[in-house]
Amino acid sequence: MTIETLEIHARFPLGQIVATRGAMEVLGGVDGDPRLAMMLLARHAAGDCGDVCDEDKATNEDAIRFGNRIMSAYRLIGGATVWIMTEADRSVTTILLPDEY
């Protein structure tokens, strides 16, 4: 898979995509390989919210339908967790670490 061939079947718009410094570091840095971040964004946009409880999955489904904030959590190899949040107005999606919230 390459970035050019990554298909995103988005259920909602992501808006502007931004990432915190900490998230960039665990995802390979500014000059690193962007594939992991792109794969996580694709999962988030498709409604796969990753490592969240069933209640949060149901909340995300409602958020997709009714226009509330959507939050996904992905545990990475090595133990770090990355959150991805799309704001209710769909203007911005942020990739961050839990302790940066």
C-alpha atoms as a PDB file:
ATOM      1  CA  MET A   1       0.000   0.000   0.000  1.00  0.00           C
ATOM      2  CA  THR A   2       1.138   3.496  -0.759  1.00  0.00           C
ATOM      3  CA  ILE A   3      -0.372   6.845   0.141  1.00  0.00           C
ATOM      4  CA  GLU A   4      -1.386   7.236  -3.484  1.00  0.00           C
ATOM      5  CA  THR A   5      -3.432   4.006  -3.406  1.00  0.00           C
ATOM      6  CA  LEU A   6      -5.001   4.374   0.062  1.00  0.00           C
ATOM      7  CA  GLU A   7      -8.755   4.420  -0.380  1.00  0.00           C
ATOM      8  CA  ILE A   8     -10.736   6.218   2.272  1.00  0.00           C
ATOM      9  CA  HIS A   9     -14.407   5.371   2.519  1.00  0.00           C
ATOM     10  CA  ALA A  10     -15.276   8.335   4.718  1.00  0.00           C
ATOM     11  CA  ARG A  11     -18.587   8.448   6.543  1.00  0.00           C
ATOM     12  CA  PHE A  12     -18.018  12.102   7.469  1.00  0.00           C
ATOM     13  CA  PRO A  13     -15.698  14.949   6.415  1.00  0.00           C
ATOM     14  CA  LEU A  14     -12.427  15.329   8.312  1.00  0.00           C
ATOM     15  CA  GLY A  15     -11.917  19.042   7.651  1.00  0.00           C
ATOM     16  CA  GLN A  16      -8.399  20.345   8.233  1.00  0.00           C
ATOM     17  CA  ILE A  17      -6.122  17.645   9.655  1.00  0.00           C
ATOM     18  CA  VAL A  18      -3.692  18.680  12.382  1.00  0.00           C
ATOM     19  CA  ALA A  19      -1.442  16.747  14.752  1.00  0.00           C
ATOM     20  CA  THR A  20       0.275  17.574  18.007  1.00  0.00           C
ATOM     21  CA  ARG A  21       4.016  17.318  18.433  1.00  0.00           C
ATOM     22  CA  GLY A  22       3.691  14.243  20.642  1.00  0.00           C
ATOM     23  CA  ALA A  23       1.482  12.430  18.159  1.00  0.00           C
ATOM     24  CA  MET A  24       3.891  13.224  15.344  1.00  0.00           C
ATOM     25  CA  GLU A  25       6.774  11.787  17.367  1.00  0.00           C
ATOM     26  CA  VAL A  26       5.062   8.438  18.062  1.00  0.00           C
ATOM     27  CA  LEU A  27       3.832   8.241  14.461  1.00  0.00           C
ATOM     28  CA  GLY A  28       7.327   8.584  13.016  1.00  0.00           C
ATOM     29  CA  GLY A  29       8.126  12.290  13.228  1.00  0.00           C
ATOM     30  CA  VAL A  30       7.698  15.108  10.752  1.00  0.00           C
ATOM     31  CA  ASP A  31      10.170  13.564   8.314  1.00  0.00           C
ATOM     32  CA  GLY A  32       9.003   9.994   8.946  1.00  0.00           C
ATOM     33  CA  ASP A  33       6.785   7.678   6.967  1.00  0.00           C
ATOM     34  CA  PRO A  34       3.198   9.052   6.964  1.00  0.00           C
ATOM     35  CA  ARG A  35       1.533   5.700   6.216  1.00  0.00           C
ATOM     36  CA  LEU A  36       0.594   4.858   9.806  1.00  0.00           C
ATOM     37  CA  ALA A  37      -1.073   8.238  10.341  1.00  0.00           C
ATOM     38  CA  MET A  38      -2.906   7.900   7.020  1.00  0.00           C
ATOM     39  CA  MET A  39      -4.133   4.398   7.885  1.00  0.00           C
ATOM     40  CA  LEU A  40      -5.412   5.577  11.272  1.00  0.00           C
ATOM     41  CA  LEU A  41      -7.159   8.548   9.655  1.00  0.00           C
ATOM     42  CA  ALA A  42      -8.762   6.197   7.114  1.00  0.00           C
ATOM     43  CA  ARG A  43     -10.047   3.942   9.909  1.00  0.00           C
ATOM     44  CA  HIS A  44     -11.375   6.949  11.841  1.00  0.00           C
ATOM     45  CA  ALA A  45     -13.138   8.394   8.781  1.00  0.00           C
ATOM     46  CA  ALA A  46     -14.692   4.996   8.002  1.00  0.00           C
ATOM     47  CA  GLY A  47     -16.218   4.832  11.486  1.00  0.00           C
ATOM     48  CA  ASP A  48     -13.731   2.312  12.924  1.00  0.00           C
ATOM     49  CA  CYS A  49     -13.033   4.008  16.243  1.00  0.00           C
ATOM     50  CA  GLY A  50     -10.415   1.476  17.320  1.00  0.00           C
ATOM     51  CA  ASP A  51      -9.808   0.674  20.964  1.00  0.00           C
ATOM     52  CA  VAL A  52     -12.858   2.217  22.632  1.00  0.00           C
ATOM     53  CA  CYS A  53     -15.583   0.566  24.709  1.00  0.00           C
ATOM     54  CA  ASP A  54     -18.934  -0.430  23.238  1.00  0.00           C
ATOM     55  CA  GLU A  55     -20.644   2.595  24.814  1.00  0.00           C
ATOM     56  CA  ASP A  56     -18.166   4.961  23.109  1.00  0.00           C
ATOM     57  CA  LYS A  57     -18.684   3.115  19.808  1.00  0.00           C
ATOM     58  CA  ALA A  58     -22.437   3.723  20.108  1.00  0.00           C
ATOM     59  CA  THR A  59     -21.803   7.371  21.007  1.00  0.00           C
ATOM     60  CA  ASN A  60     -19.626   7.729  17.900  1.00  0.00           C
ATOM     61  CA  GLU A  61     -22.338   6.205  15.705  1.00  0.00           C
ATOM     62  CA  ASP A  62     -24.798   8.769  17.058  1.00  0.00           C
ATOM     63  CA  ALA A  63     -22.205  11.525  16.552  1.00  0.00           C
ATOM     64  CA  ILE A  64     -21.747  10.549  12.907  1.00  0.00           C
ATOM     65  CA  ARG A  65     -25.518  10.692  12.333  1.00  0.00           C
ATOM     66  CA  PHE A  66     -26.301  13.794  14.386  1.00  0.00           C
ATOM     67  CA  GLY A  67     -23.178  15.913  13.965  1.00  0.00           C
ATOM     68  CA  ASN A  68     -21.397  15.661  17.313  1.00  0.00           C
ATOM     69  CA  ARG A  69     -17.682  15.232  17.998  1.00  0.00           C
ATOM     70  CA  ILE A  70     -16.236  11.845  16.986  1.00  0.00           C
ATOM     71  CA  MET A  71     -13.348  10.314  18.924  1.00  0.00           C
ATOM     72  CA  SER A  72     -11.231   7.274  18.101  1.00  0.00           C
ATOM     73  CA  ALA A  73      -8.396   5.665  20.053  1.00  0.00           C
ATOM     74  CA  TYR A  74      -5.717   3.417  18.594  1.00  0.00           C
ATOM     75  CA  ARG A  75      -3.161   1.467  20.611  1.00  0.00           C
ATOM     76  CA  LEU A  76       0.108   1.243  18.697  1.00  0.00           C
ATOM     77  CA  ILE A  77       2.768  -1.446  18.750  1.00  0.00           C
ATOM     78  CA  GLY A  78       5.040  -0.435  21.599  1.00  0.00           C
ATOM     79  CA  GLY A  79       2.186   0.634  23.859  1.00  0.00           C
ATOM     80  CA  ALA A  80       1.496   4.244  22.904  1.00  0.00           C
ATOM     81  CA  THR A  81      -2.095   5.280  22.295  1.00  0.00           C
ATOM     82  CA  VAL A  82      -3.127   7.891  19.742  1.00  0.00           C
ATOM     83  CA  TRP A  83      -6.467   9.682  19.807  1.00  0.00           C
ATOM     84  CA  ILE A  84      -8.129  11.133  16.716  1.00  0.00           C
ATOM     85  CA  MET A  85     -10.949  13.619  17.202  1.00  0.00           C
ATOM     86  CA  THR A  86     -13.145  15.255  14.584  1.00  0.00           C
ATOM     87  CA  GLU A  87     -15.000  18.305  15.839  1.00  0.00           C
ATOM     88  CA  ALA A  88     -18.788  18.505  15.685  1.00  0.00           C
ATOM     89  CA  ASP A  89     -18.755  21.068  12.876  1.00  0.00           C
ATOM     90  CA  ARG A  90     -16.334  18.824  10.899  1.00  0.00           C
ATOM     91  CA  SER A  91     -13.944  21.757  10.448  1.00  0.00           C
ATOM     92  CA  VAL A  92     -10.898  20.030  11.946  1.00  0.00           C
ATOM     93  CA  THR A  93      -9.601  16.583  12.870  1.00  0.00           C
ATOM     94  CA  THR A  94      -6.832  16.419  15.459  1.00  0.00           C
ATOM     95  CA  ILE A  95      -4.372  13.580  16.053  1.00  0.00           C
ATOM     96  CA  LEU A  96      -3.032  13.720  19.602  1.00  0.00           C
ATOM     97  CA  LEU A  97      -1.823  11.720  22.576  1.00  0.00           C
ATOM     98  CA  PRO A  98      -4.182  11.283  25.543  1.00  0.00           C
ATOM     99  CA  ASP A  99      -1.941  13.339  27.842  1.00  0.00           C
ATOM    100  CA  GLU A 100      -2.062  16.234  25.344  1.00  0.00           C
ATOM    101  CA  TYR A 101      -5.843  16.599  25.659  1.00  0.00           C
END
